[in-house]
């Protein structure tokens, strides 16, 4: 179904959900545009799944409001359900049925006739590279195959908005890449995707904009570039010629970079260091990196390769969530 609406795909204002006195979602304000992948990141227990369930009308908000394509998720829940689809963290499939039988059954439940449901199932199985396994019981499928079948089931009726709640949890790299390709194809066909994930590289690959949620609150929002710029500085990556010099290089880098974190990589000749301070511009980071490289040369430590770049999304995530945790501890101490 296509709504034809020019409204934002999702708008929330002060959205709240409480369980046993604890706010799982604590006043989320977001506007999510149509026709894109929007990523929601957060650690376990951050409130991501609760947020999605309210938008999908599976949970009723305790405060605030949320609209999907301009429709209120409480007062117009039936209209919202008609234009969304949800793939949760675990495959919602009948393991005793074959892949084809699962899709035909769901197609019939969605209102397709016998022939229509069968035709739609065949097209989905082909699109998701499951034709060869169509007549095998789902219990014999690999994790990647189950995930692809679960997403295929969500698209039997093409939704305006697809919720993907941690869609690649537990998948091997090849299966994850296949799911990513599917997500890109879905968006190319006009569907908006709200993606929740704990995999930072997944959001980096797919999402046009990202919200970082911690303790039920949005602690940062923007494009990947904006989030990376928000923590300032960058990362220095270098490879030494001699692995025996790595301890000396690590000590010297830490000294030159004013005590900045220096991380030995699994590669025995590699080191990664943060440069610049929060809010610092790229010029300051480059100057720090240049000074460090000169000091390494003066100490006789040979560097084979050296690069300076923006922090990774992993580093951004850790910086943001660590800062949020620190602010929470400070508030608790002030009230003690």
C-alpha atoms as a PDB file:
ATOM      1  CA  UNK A   1       0.000   0.000   0.000  1.00  0.00           C
ATOM      2  CA  UNK A   2       1.230   3.540  -0.753  1.00  0.00           C
ATOM      3  CA  UNK A   3      -0.299   6.381   1.239  1.00  0.00           C
ATOM      4  CA  UNK A   4       0.672   9.124  -1.176  1.00  0.00           C
ATOM      5  CA  UNK A   5       1.181  11.374   1.858  1.00  0.00           C
ATOM      6  CA  UNK A   6       3.878  14.025   1.898  1.00  0.00           C
ATOM      7  CA  UNK A   7       3.995  13.878   5.712  1.00  0.00           C
ATOM      8  CA  UNK A   8       7.099  12.675   7.500  1.00  0.00           C
ATOM      9  CA  UNK A   9       7.191   8.908   7.863  1.00  0.00           C
ATOM     10  CA  UNK A  10       7.397   9.207  11.660  1.00  0.00           C
ATOM     11  CA  UNK A  11       6.931  12.111  14.060  1.00  0.00           C
ATOM     12  CA  UNK A  12       7.157  11.733  17.828  1.00  0.00           C
ATOM     13  CA  UNK A  13       6.861  14.340  20.578  1.00  0.00           C
ATOM     14  CA  UNK A  14       7.603  13.582  24.223  1.00  0.00           C
ATOM     15  CA  UNK A  15       6.990   9.866  23.680  1.00  0.00           C
ATOM     16  CA  UNK A  16       7.038   7.925  26.962  1.00  0.00           C
ATOM     17  CA  UNK A  17       6.588   4.273  27.969  1.00  0.00           C
ATOM     18  CA  UNK A  18       6.882   3.109  31.568  1.00  0.00           C
ATOM     19  CA  UNK A  19       7.269  -0.406  32.962  1.00  0.00           C
ATOM     20  CA  UNK A  20       7.033  -0.842  36.717  1.00  0.00           C
ATOM     21  CA  UNK A  21       7.899   2.755  37.431  1.00  0.00           C
ATOM     22  CA  UNK A  22      10.920   2.749  35.106  1.00  0.00           C
ATOM     23  CA  UNK A  23      10.805   4.821  31.920  1.00  0.00           C
ATOM     24  CA  UNK A  24      11.911   2.529  29.106  1.00  0.00           C
ATOM     25  CA  UNK A  25      11.263   5.375  26.650  1.00  0.00           C
ATOM     26  CA  UNK A  26      11.712   8.774  28.221  1.00  0.00           C
ATOM     27  CA  UNK A  27      10.482  11.675  26.110  1.00  0.00           C
ATOM     28  CA  UNK A  28      11.670  10.902  22.584  1.00  0.00           C
ATOM     29  CA  UNK A  29      11.246  13.671  19.991  1.00  0.00           C
ATOM     30  CA  UNK A  30      12.059  12.665  16.408  1.00  0.00           C
ATOM     31  CA  UNK A  31      11.073  13.500  12.850  1.00  0.00           C
ATOM     32  CA  UNK A  32      11.982  10.760  10.353  1.00  0.00           C
ATOM     33  CA  UNK A  33      11.752  11.531   6.626  1.00  0.00           C
ATOM     34  CA  UNK A  34      10.203   9.250   4.017  1.00  0.00           C
ATOM     35  CA  UNK A  35      12.038   7.120   1.475  1.00  0.00           C
ATOM     36  CA  UNK A  36      15.208   6.420   3.423  1.00  0.00           C
ATOM     37  CA  UNK A  37      16.831   4.158   6.020  1.00  0.00           C
ATOM     38  CA  UNK A  38      16.800   5.737   9.469  1.00  0.00           C
ATOM     39  CA  UNK A  39      19.011   4.053  12.041  1.00  0.00           C
ATOM     40  CA  UNK A  40      18.335   3.803  15.775  1.00  0.00           C
ATOM     41  CA  UNK A  41      21.378   2.780  17.790  1.00  0.00           C
ATOM     42  CA  UNK A  42      21.686   1.971  21.459  1.00  0.00           C
ATOM     43  CA  UNK A  43      23.036  -0.560  23.939  1.00  0.00           C
ATOM     44  CA  UNK A  44      20.936  -3.427  25.296  1.00  0.00           C
ATOM     45  CA  UNK A  45      18.048  -2.066  27.331  1.00  0.00           C
ATOM     46  CA  UNK A  46      18.267   1.405  25.784  1.00  0.00           C
ATOM     47  CA  UNK A  47      14.584   1.356  24.759  1.00  0.00           C
ATOM     48  CA  UNK A  48      14.952   0.691  21.018  1.00  0.00           C
ATOM     49  CA  UNK A  49      12.505  -2.226  20.776  1.00  0.00           C
ATOM     50  CA  UNK A  50       9.952  -0.519  23.042  1.00  0.00           C
ATOM     51  CA  UNK A  51      10.143   2.568  20.821  1.00  0.00           C
ATOM     52  CA  UNK A  52       9.508   0.469  17.694  1.00  0.00           C
ATOM     53  CA  UNK A  53       6.617  -1.440  19.285  1.00  0.00           C
ATOM     54  CA  UNK A  54       4.822   1.807  20.115  1.00  0.00           C
ATOM     55  CA  UNK A  55       5.236   3.060  16.553  1.00  0.00           C
ATOM     56  CA  UNK A  56       3.937  -0.286  15.237  1.00  0.00           C
ATOM     57  CA  UNK A  57       0.870  -0.017  17.573  1.00  0.00           C
ATOM     58  CA  UNK A  58       1.920  -3.097  19.577  1.00  0.00           C
ATOM     59  CA  UNK A  59       2.341  -1.028  22.754  1.00  0.00           C
ATOM     60  CA  UNK A  60       0.308   1.970  23.863  1.00  0.00           C
ATOM     61  CA  UNK A  61       2.351   5.044  24.846  1.00  0.00           C
ATOM     62  CA  UNK A  62       2.008   6.305  28.413  1.00  0.00           C
ATOM     63  CA  UNK A  63       2.757   9.876  27.390  1.00  0.00           C
ATOM     64  CA  UNK A  64       3.455  12.109  24.425  1.00  0.00           C
ATOM     65  CA  UNK A  65       2.335  11.306  20.923  1.00  0.00           C
ATOM     66  CA  UNK A  66       3.515   9.557  17.771  1.00  0.00           C
ATOM     67  CA  UNK A  67       2.337   9.789  14.172  1.00  0.00           C
ATOM     68  CA  UNK A  68       3.087   7.526  11.216  1.00  0.00           C
ATOM     69  CA  UNK A  69       2.488   9.289   7.890  1.00  0.00           C
ATOM     70  CA  UNK A  70       0.425  11.828   9.814  1.00  0.00           C
ATOM     71  CA  UNK A  71      -1.745   9.207  11.549  1.00  0.00           C
ATOM     72  CA  UNK A  72      -1.865   8.955  15.327  1.00  0.00           C
ATOM     73  CA  UNK A  73      -0.678   5.532  16.544  1.00  0.00           C
ATOM     74  CA  UNK A  74      -3.354   5.436  19.254  1.00  0.00           C
ATOM     75  CA  UNK A  75      -6.430   7.082  17.715  1.00  0.00           C
ATOM     76  CA  UNK A  76      -5.780   5.805  14.180  1.00  0.00           C
ATOM     77  CA  UNK A  77      -4.100   2.502  14.977  1.00  0.00           C
ATOM     78  CA  UNK A  78      -5.915   0.532  12.254  1.00  0.00           C
ATOM     79  CA  UNK A  79      -4.808   2.987   9.568  1.00  0.00           C
ATOM     80  CA  UNK A  80      -1.225   2.838  10.846  1.00  0.00           C
ATOM     81  CA  UNK A  81      -1.209  -0.976  10.800  1.00  0.00           C
ATOM     82  CA  UNK A  82      -2.401  -0.936   7.201  1.00  0.00           C
ATOM     83  CA  UNK A  83       0.756   0.814   5.996  1.00  0.00           C
ATOM     84  CA  UNK A  84       3.504  -0.702   8.174  1.00  0.00           C
ATOM     85  CA  UNK A  85       5.221  -4.040   8.590  1.00  0.00           C
ATOM     86  CA  UNK A  86       7.467  -5.283  11.391  1.00  0.00           C
ATOM     87  CA  UNK A  87      10.293  -7.807  11.393  1.00  0.00           C
ATOM     88  CA  UNK A  88      11.316  -8.429  14.985  1.00  0.00           C
ATOM     89  CA  UNK A  89      14.513  -9.787  16.481  1.00  0.00           C
ATOM     90  CA  UNK A  90      13.382 -13.390  16.117  1.00  0.00           C
ATOM     91  CA  UNK A  91      11.947 -15.084  13.049  1.00  0.00           C
ATOM     92  CA  UNK A  92       8.143 -15.404  13.286  1.00  0.00           C
ATOM     93  CA  UNK A  93       7.891 -18.561  11.211  1.00  0.00           C
ATOM     94  CA  UNK A  94       6.313 -21.993  11.597  1.00  0.00           C
ATOM     95  CA  UNK A  95       9.272 -24.390  11.601  1.00  0.00           C
ATOM     96  CA  UNK A  96       7.106 -27.377  10.696  1.00  0.00           C
ATOM     97  CA  UNK A  97       6.023 -25.762   7.429  1.00  0.00           C
ATOM     98  CA  UNK A  98       8.167 -25.287   4.353  1.00  0.00           C
ATOM     99  CA  UNK A  99       9.327 -21.845   3.292  1.00  0.00           C
ATOM    100  CA  UNK A 100       6.735 -21.754   0.527  1.00  0.00           C
ATOM    101  CA  UNK A 101       3.949 -22.902   2.857  1.00  0.00           C
ATOM    102  CA  UNK A 102       4.817 -20.159   5.361  1.00  0.00           C
ATOM    103  CA  UNK A 103       4.575 -17.464   2.710  1.00  0.00           C
ATOM    104  CA  UNK A 104       1.379 -18.831   1.150  1.00  0.00           C
ATOM    105  CA  UNK A 105      -0.269 -19.061   4.588  1.00  0.00           C
ATOM    106  CA  UNK A 106       0.677 -15.488   5.446  1.00  0.00           C
ATOM    107  CA  UNK A 107      -0.435 -14.308   2.004  1.00  0.00           C
ATOM    108  CA  UNK A 108      -3.855 -15.870   2.554  1.00  0.00           C
ATOM    109  CA  UNK A 109      -4.086 -14.214   6.003  1.00  0.00           C
ATOM    110  CA  UNK A 110      -3.316 -10.887   4.322  1.00  0.00           C
ATOM    111  CA  UNK A 111      -6.293 -11.329   2.022  1.00  0.00           C
ATOM    112  CA  UNK A 112      -4.772 -12.784  -1.162  1.00  0.00           C
ATOM    113  CA  UNK A 113      -6.638 -15.566  -2.952  1.00  0.00           C
ATOM    114  CA  UNK A 114      -5.060 -19.012  -3.358  1.00  0.00           C
ATOM    115  CA  UNK A 115      -3.512 -18.285  -6.737  1.00  0.00           C
ATOM    116  CA  UNK A 116      -2.427 -14.789  -5.720  1.00  0.00           C
ATOM    117  CA  UNK A 117      -0.817 -15.967  -2.486  1.00  0.00           C
ATOM    118  CA  UNK A 118       1.029 -18.741  -4.311  1.00  0.00           C
ATOM    119  CA  UNK A 119       2.246 -16.353  -7.037  1.00  0.00           C
ATOM    120  CA  UNK A 120       3.380 -13.771  -4.481  1.00  0.00           C
ATOM    121  CA  UNK A 121       5.201 -16.449  -2.474  1.00  0.00           C
ATOM    122  CA  UNK A 122       7.052 -17.666  -5.561  1.00  0.00           C
ATOM    123  CA  UNK A 123       8.177 -14.127  -6.403  1.00  0.00           C
ATOM    124  CA  UNK A 124       9.398 -13.516  -2.860  1.00  0.00           C
ATOM    125  CA  UNK A 125      11.293 -16.812  -2.732  1.00  0.00           C
ATOM    126  CA  UNK A 126      13.015 -15.963  -5.997  1.00  0.00           C
ATOM    127  CA  UNK A 127      13.842 -12.400  -4.945  1.00  0.00           C
ATOM    128  CA  UNK A 128      15.351 -13.588  -1.655  1.00  0.00           C
ATOM    129  CA  UNK A 129      17.302 -16.465  -3.268  1.00  0.00           C
ATOM    130  CA  UNK A 130      15.280 -19.162  -1.500  1.00  0.00           C
ATOM    131  CA  UNK A 131      13.720 -20.986  -4.461  1.00  0.00           C
ATOM    132  CA  UNK A 132      15.928 -24.070  -4.025  1.00  0.00           C
ATOM    133  CA  UNK A 133      14.855 -24.334  -0.373  1.00  0.00           C
ATOM    134  CA  UNK A 134      11.180 -23.498  -0.974  1.00  0.00           C
ATOM    135  CA  UNK A 135       9.919 -27.006  -0.209  1.00  0.00           C
ATOM    136  CA  UNK A 136      12.136 -27.721   2.777  1.00  0.00           C
ATOM    137  CA  UNK A 137      10.877 -27.356   6.351  1.00  0.00           C
ATOM    138  CA  UNK A 138      12.019 -24.105   7.904  1.00  0.00           C
ATOM    139  CA  UNK A 139      13.613 -26.073  10.761  1.00  0.00           C
ATOM    140  CA  UNK A 140      16.303 -27.128   8.267  1.00  0.00           C
ATOM    141  CA  UNK A 141      17.155 -23.527   7.270  1.00  0.00           C
ATOM    142  CA  UNK A 142      20.306 -21.729   8.345  1.00  0.00           C
ATOM    143  CA  UNK A 143      20.038 -18.534  10.380  1.00  0.00           C
ATOM    144  CA  UNK A 144      20.600 -16.396   7.291  1.00  0.00           C
ATOM    145  CA  UNK A 145      17.937 -18.239   5.315  1.00  0.00           C
ATOM    146  CA  UNK A 146      15.412 -17.860   8.143  1.00  0.00           C
ATOM    147  CA  UNK A 147      16.145 -14.146   8.357  1.00  0.00           C
ATOM    148  CA  UNK A 148      15.666 -13.680   4.623  1.00  0.00           C
ATOM    149  CA  UNK A 149      12.397 -15.628   4.736  1.00  0.00           C
ATOM    150  CA  UNK A 150      11.196 -13.526   7.678  1.00  0.00           C
ATOM    151  CA  UNK A 151      11.878 -10.295   5.780  1.00  0.00           C
ATOM    152  CA  UNK A 152      10.212 -11.755   2.684  1.00  0.00           C
ATOM    153  CA  UNK A 153       7.119 -12.435   4.803  1.00  0.00           C
ATOM    154  CA  UNK A 154       7.110  -8.775   5.888  1.00  0.00           C
ATOM    155  CA  UNK A 155       6.985  -7.701   2.245  1.00  0.00           C
ATOM    156  CA  UNK A 156       4.166  -9.905   0.967  1.00  0.00           C
ATOM    157  CA  UNK A 157       2.191  -6.663   0.933  1.00  0.00           C
ATOM    158  CA  UNK A 158       4.674  -3.892   0.155  1.00  0.00           C
ATOM    159  CA  UNK A 159       4.539  -1.551   3.188  1.00  0.00           C
ATOM    160  CA  UNK A 160       5.073   2.193   3.250  1.00  0.00           C
ATOM    161  CA  UNK A 161       7.141   1.743   6.400  1.00  0.00           C
ATOM    162  CA  UNK A 162       9.145  -1.334   7.387  1.00  0.00           C
ATOM    163  CA  UNK A 163      10.450  -1.741  10.933  1.00  0.00           C
ATOM    164  CA  UNK A 164      13.587  -3.888  11.051  1.00  0.00           C
ATOM    165  CA  UNK A 165      14.430  -4.615  14.686  1.00  0.00           C
ATOM    166  CA  UNK A 166      18.033  -5.900  14.823  1.00  0.00           C
ATOM    167  CA  UNK A 167      17.592  -7.856  11.560  1.00  0.00           C
ATOM    168  CA  UNK A 168      21.098  -9.364  11.347  1.00  0.00           C
ATOM    169  CA  UNK A 169      21.674 -10.459  14.952  1.00  0.00           C
ATOM    170  CA  UNK A 170      23.640 -13.711  14.932  1.00  0.00           C
ATOM    171  CA  UNK A 171      24.201 -13.825  11.179  1.00  0.00           C
ATOM    172  CA  UNK A 172      27.536 -14.551   9.510  1.00  0.00           C
ATOM    173  CA  UNK A 173      29.154 -11.752   7.427  1.00  0.00           C
ATOM    174  CA  UNK A 174      27.927 -13.122   4.083  1.00  0.00           C
ATOM    175  CA  UNK A 175      24.321 -13.400   5.302  1.00  0.00           C
ATOM    176  CA  UNK A 176      24.523  -9.902   6.798  1.00  0.00           C
ATOM    177  CA  UNK A 177      25.705  -8.484   3.473  1.00  0.00           C
ATOM    178  CA  UNK A 178      22.811 -10.229   1.718  1.00  0.00           C
ATOM    179  CA  UNK A 179      20.308  -8.690   4.138  1.00  0.00           C
ATOM    180  CA  UNK A 180      21.921  -5.262   3.587  1.00  0.00           C
ATOM    181  CA  UNK A 181      21.453  -5.645  -0.164  1.00  0.00           C
ATOM    182  CA  UNK A 182      17.799  -6.508   0.427  1.00  0.00           C
ATOM    183  CA  UNK A 183      17.294  -3.414   2.605  1.00  0.00           C
ATOM    184  CA  UNK A 184      18.811  -1.166  -0.087  1.00  0.00           C
ATOM    185  CA  UNK A 185      16.530  -2.707  -2.718  1.00  0.00           C
ATOM    186  CA  UNK A 186      13.462  -2.178  -0.499  1.00  0.00           C
ATOM    187  CA  UNK A 187      14.261   1.521  -0.102  1.00  0.00           C
ATOM    188  CA  UNK A 188      14.891   1.892  -3.852  1.00  0.00           C
ATOM    189  CA  UNK A 189      11.296   0.720  -4.363  1.00  0.00           C
ATOM    190  CA  UNK A 190       9.958   3.525  -2.147  1.00  0.00           C
ATOM    191  CA  UNK A 191       9.625   1.928   1.292  1.00  0.00           C
ATOM    192  CA  UNK A 192      10.899   3.808   4.342  1.00  0.00           C
ATOM    193  CA  UNK A 193      12.942   1.611   6.716  1.00  0.00           C
ATOM    194  CA  UNK A 194      13.415   2.181  10.437  1.00  0.00           C
ATOM    195  CA  UNK A 195      16.405   0.057  11.432  1.00  0.00           C
ATOM    196  CA  UNK A 196      17.384  -0.677  15.022  1.00  0.00           C
ATOM    197  CA  UNK A 197      20.752  -2.298  15.483  1.00  0.00           C
ATOM    198  CA  UNK A 198      23.675  -2.790  17.834  1.00  0.00           C
ATOM    199  CA  UNK A 199      26.056  -3.205  14.888  1.00  0.00           C
ATOM    200  CA  UNK A 200      27.708   0.140  14.232  1.00  0.00           C
ATOM    201  CA  UNK A 201      28.986  -0.911  10.810  1.00  0.00           C
ATOM    202  CA  UNK A 202      25.424  -1.819   9.831  1.00  0.00           C
ATOM    203  CA  UNK A 203      24.174   1.696  10.553  1.00  0.00           C
ATOM    204  CA  UNK A 204      27.260   3.132   8.831  1.00  0.00           C
ATOM    205  CA  UNK A 205      26.482   1.087   5.699  1.00  0.00           C
ATOM    206  CA  UNK A 206      22.735   1.663   5.494  1.00  0.00           C
ATOM    207  CA  UNK A 207      21.402   4.652   7.406  1.00  0.00           C
ATOM    208  CA  UNK A 208      21.107   8.171   6.002  1.00  0.00           C
ATOM    209  CA  UNK A 209      20.448   9.570   9.488  1.00  0.00           C
ATOM    210  CA  UNK A 210      20.955   8.020  12.911  1.00  0.00           C
ATOM    211  CA  UNK A 211      19.540   8.552  16.393  1.00  0.00           C
ATOM    212  CA  UNK A 212      21.546   7.272  19.362  1.00  0.00           C
ATOM    213  CA  UNK A 213      19.306   6.223  22.258  1.00  0.00           C
ATOM    214  CA  UNK A 214      20.484   5.517  25.794  1.00  0.00           C
ATOM    215  CA  UNK A 215      18.315   5.018  28.888  1.00  0.00           C
ATOM    216  CA  UNK A 216      15.220   5.805  26.844  1.00  0.00           C
ATOM    217  CA  UNK A 217      16.461   9.203  25.646  1.00  0.00           C
ATOM    218  CA  UNK A 218      17.859  10.447  22.339  1.00  0.00           C
ATOM    219  CA  UNK A 219      21.391  11.572  23.202  1.00  0.00           C
ATOM    220  CA  UNK A 220      22.454  12.432  19.625  1.00  0.00           C
ATOM    221  CA  UNK A 221      20.896  12.624  16.157  1.00  0.00           C
ATOM    222  CA  UNK A 222      22.151  13.430  12.696  1.00  0.00           C
ATOM    223  CA  UNK A 223      23.941  12.109   9.641  1.00  0.00           C
ATOM    224  CA  UNK A 224      26.974   9.873  10.092  1.00  0.00           C
ATOM    225  CA  UNK A 225      29.246  12.811   9.297  1.00  0.00           C
ATOM    226  CA  UNK A 226      27.499  15.073  11.796  1.00  0.00           C
ATOM    227  CA  UNK A 227      27.739  12.488  14.564  1.00  0.00           C
ATOM    228  CA  UNK A 228      31.410  11.876  13.865  1.00  0.00           C
ATOM    229  CA  UNK A 229      32.118  15.612  13.853  1.00  0.00           C
ATOM    230  CA  UNK A 230      30.185  16.063  17.122  1.00  0.00           C
ATOM    231  CA  UNK A 231      32.770  14.172  19.185  1.00  0.00           C
ATOM    232  CA  UNK A 232      35.631  16.151  17.640  1.00  0.00           C
ATOM    233  CA  UNK A 233      39.144  15.074  16.786  1.00  0.00           C
ATOM    234  CA  UNK A 234      39.897  11.944  14.849  1.00  0.00           C
ATOM    235  CA  UNK A 235      41.805   8.688  14.877  1.00  0.00           C
ATOM    236  CA  UNK A 236      45.442   8.048  14.033  1.00  0.00           C
ATOM    237  CA  UNK A 237      46.202   4.596  12.633  1.00  0.00           C
ATOM    238  CA  UNK A 238      49.818   3.550  12.180  1.00  0.00           C
ATOM    239  CA  UNK A 239      51.858   0.440  11.431  1.00  0.00           C
ATOM    240  CA  UNK A 240      55.401   0.133  12.684  1.00  0.00           C
ATOM    241  CA  UNK A 241      58.264  -1.550  10.907  1.00  0.00           C
ATOM    242  CA  UNK A 242      59.358  -3.399  14.054  1.00  0.00           C
ATOM    243  CA  UNK A 243      56.846  -4.991  16.430  1.00  0.00           C
ATOM    244  CA  UNK A 244      59.424  -4.849  19.260  1.00  0.00           C
ATOM    245  CA  UNK A 245      59.152  -1.041  19.188  1.00  0.00           C
ATOM    246  CA  UNK A 246      55.403  -0.990  19.773  1.00  0.00           C
ATOM    247  CA  UNK A 247      55.572  -0.528  23.592  1.00  0.00           C
ATOM    248  CA  UNK A 248      57.917   2.473  23.156  1.00  0.00           C
ATOM    249  CA  UNK A 249      55.711   3.886  20.385  1.00  0.00           C
ATOM    250  CA  UNK A 250      52.622   3.492  22.552  1.00  0.00           C
ATOM    251  CA  UNK A 251      54.229   5.359  25.472  1.00  0.00           C
ATOM    252  CA  UNK A 252      55.513   8.136  23.200  1.00  0.00           C
ATOM    253  CA  UNK A 253      52.155   8.567  21.443  1.00  0.00           C
ATOM    254  CA  UNK A 254      50.346   8.838  24.769  1.00  0.00           C
ATOM    255  CA  UNK A 255      52.834  11.489  25.904  1.00  0.00           C
ATOM    256  CA  UNK A 256      52.634  13.476  22.647  1.00  0.00           C
ATOM    257  CA  UNK A 257      48.833  13.337  22.588  1.00  0.00           C
ATOM    258  CA  UNK A 258      48.367  14.632  26.139  1.00  0.00           C
ATOM    259  CA  UNK A 259      47.343  11.283  27.562  1.00  0.00           C
ATOM    260  CA  UNK A 260      44.870  10.423  24.790  1.00  0.00           C
ATOM    261  CA  UNK A 261      43.801   6.749  24.598  1.00  0.00           C
ATOM    262  CA  UNK A 262      46.214   4.598  22.563  1.00  0.00           C
ATOM    263  CA  UNK A 263      44.939   1.155  21.614  1.00  0.00           C
ATOM    264  CA  UNK A 264      47.201  -1.712  20.477  1.00  0.00           C
ATOM    265  CA  UNK A 265      45.521  -3.449  17.525  1.00  0.00           C
ATOM    266  CA  UNK A 266      45.399  -7.242  17.014  1.00  0.00           C
ATOM    267  CA  UNK A 267      48.071  -6.710  14.349  1.00  0.00           C
ATOM    268  CA  UNK A 268      51.306  -6.762  16.436  1.00  0.00           C
ATOM    269  CA  UNK A 269      52.788  -3.769  14.576  1.00  0.00           C
ATOM    270  CA  UNK A 270      49.652  -1.572  14.612  1.00  0.00           C
ATOM    271  CA  UNK A 271      48.391   1.133  16.971  1.00  0.00           C
ATOM    272  CA  UNK A 272      45.299   3.354  17.003  1.00  0.00           C
ATOM    273  CA  UNK A 273      45.089   6.626  18.932  1.00  0.00           C
ATOM    274  CA  UNK A 274      42.483   9.359  19.413  1.00  0.00           C
ATOM    275  CA  UNK A 275      43.637  12.900  18.621  1.00  0.00           C
ATOM    276  CA  UNK A 276      42.000  16.231  19.320  1.00  0.00           C
ATOM    277  CA  UNK A 277      39.540  16.960  22.108  1.00  0.00           C
ATOM    278  CA  UNK A 278      35.750  16.953  22.055  1.00  0.00           C
ATOM    279  CA  UNK A 279      34.655  19.885  19.964  1.00  0.00           C
ATOM    280  CA  UNK A 280      38.090  20.410  18.447  1.00  0.00           C
ATOM    281  CA  UNK A 281      38.386  21.111  14.751  1.00  0.00           C
ATOM    282  CA  UNK A 282      40.161  18.956  12.198  1.00  0.00           C
ATOM    283  CA  UNK A 283      43.165  21.354  12.052  1.00  0.00           C
ATOM    284  CA  UNK A 284      44.009  20.781  15.710  1.00  0.00           C
ATOM    285  CA  UNK A 285      43.797  17.015  15.257  1.00  0.00           C
ATOM    286  CA  UNK A 286      46.119  17.184  12.245  1.00  0.00           C
ATOM    287  CA  UNK A 287      48.649  19.279  14.185  1.00  0.00           C
ATOM    288  CA  UNK A 288      48.675  16.805  17.067  1.00  0.00           C
ATOM    289  CA  UNK A 289      49.137  13.901  14.679  1.00  0.00           C
ATOM    290  CA  UNK A 290      52.004  15.661  12.882  1.00  0.00           C
ATOM    291  CA  UNK A 291      53.821  16.374  16.154  1.00  0.00           C
ATOM    292  CA  UNK A 292      53.419  12.756  17.235  1.00  0.00           C
ATOM    293  CA  UNK A 293      54.794  11.464  13.925  1.00  0.00           C
ATOM    294  CA  UNK A 294      57.827  13.786  14.204  1.00  0.00           C
ATOM    295  CA  UNK A 295      58.539  12.588  17.751  1.00  0.00           C
ATOM    296  CA  UNK A 296      58.388   8.963  16.669  1.00  0.00           C
ATOM    297  CA  UNK A 297      60.938   9.689  13.917  1.00  0.00           C
ATOM    298  CA  UNK A 298      63.260  11.491  16.375  1.00  0.00           C
ATOM    299  CA  UNK A 299      63.087   8.462  18.680  1.00  0.00           C
ATOM    300  CA  UNK A 300      64.160   6.186  15.838  1.00  0.00           C
ATOM    301  CA  UNK A 301      60.805   4.409  15.618  1.00  0.00           C
ATOM    302  CA  UNK A 302      60.158   3.603  11.958  1.00  0.00           C
ATOM    303  CA  UNK A 303      56.554   3.972  10.764  1.00  0.00           C
ATOM    304  CA  UNK A 304      55.574   2.122   7.577  1.00  0.00           C
ATOM    305  CA  UNK A 305      52.039   3.495   7.186  1.00  0.00           C
ATOM    306  CA  UNK A 306      50.216   6.364   8.847  1.00  0.00           C
ATOM    307  CA  UNK A 307      46.681   7.729   8.412  1.00  0.00           C
ATOM    308  CA  UNK A 308      44.454  10.280  10.092  1.00  0.00           C
ATOM    309  CA  UNK A 309      40.705  10.107   9.708  1.00  0.00           C
ATOM    310  CA  UNK A 310      37.380  10.827  11.365  1.00  0.00           C
ATOM    311  CA  UNK A 311      36.511   8.657  14.358  1.00  0.00           C
ATOM    312  CA  UNK A 312      34.679   5.469  13.472  1.00  0.00           C
ATOM    313  CA  UNK A 313      31.003   5.155  14.318  1.00  0.00           C
ATOM    314  CA  UNK A 314      32.044   2.687  17.029  1.00  0.00           C
ATOM    315  CA  UNK A 315      34.196   5.395  18.630  1.00  0.00           C
ATOM    316  CA  UNK A 316      31.389   7.933  18.302  1.00  0.00           C
ATOM    317  CA  UNK A 317      28.931   5.531  19.936  1.00  0.00           C
ATOM    318  CA  UNK A 318      31.274   4.809  22.845  1.00  0.00           C
ATOM    319  CA  UNK A 319      32.064   8.498  23.345  1.00  0.00           C
ATOM    320  CA  UNK A 320      28.374   9.469  23.345  1.00  0.00           C
ATOM    321  CA  UNK A 321      27.142   6.673  25.595  1.00  0.00           C
ATOM    322  CA  UNK A 322      30.072   7.015  28.012  1.00  0.00           C
ATOM    323  CA  UNK A 323      29.354  10.756  28.258  1.00  0.00           C
ATOM    324  CA  UNK A 324      25.657  10.074  28.895  1.00  0.00           C
ATOM    325  CA  UNK A 325      26.530   7.532  31.593  1.00  0.00           C
ATOM    326  CA  UNK A 326      28.928  10.025  33.194  1.00  0.00           C
ATOM    327  CA  UNK A 327      26.233  12.719  33.276  1.00  0.00           C
ATOM    328  CA  UNK A 328      23.832  10.237  34.858  1.00  0.00           C
ATOM    329  CA  UNK A 329      26.325   9.380  37.599  1.00  0.00           C
ATOM    330  CA  UNK A 330      26.956  13.081  38.267  1.00  0.00           C
ATOM    331  CA  UNK A 331      23.225  13.701  38.656  1.00  0.00           C
ATOM    332  CA  UNK A 332      22.874  10.776  41.068  1.00  0.00           C
ATOM    333  CA  UNK A 333      25.828  12.033  43.131  1.00  0.00           C
ATOM    334  CA  UNK A 334      24.328  15.518  43.278  1.00  0.00           C
ATOM    335  CA  UNK A 335      21.083  14.090  44.661  1.00  0.00           C
ATOM    336  CA  UNK A 336      22.818  11.798  47.164  1.00  0.00           C
END
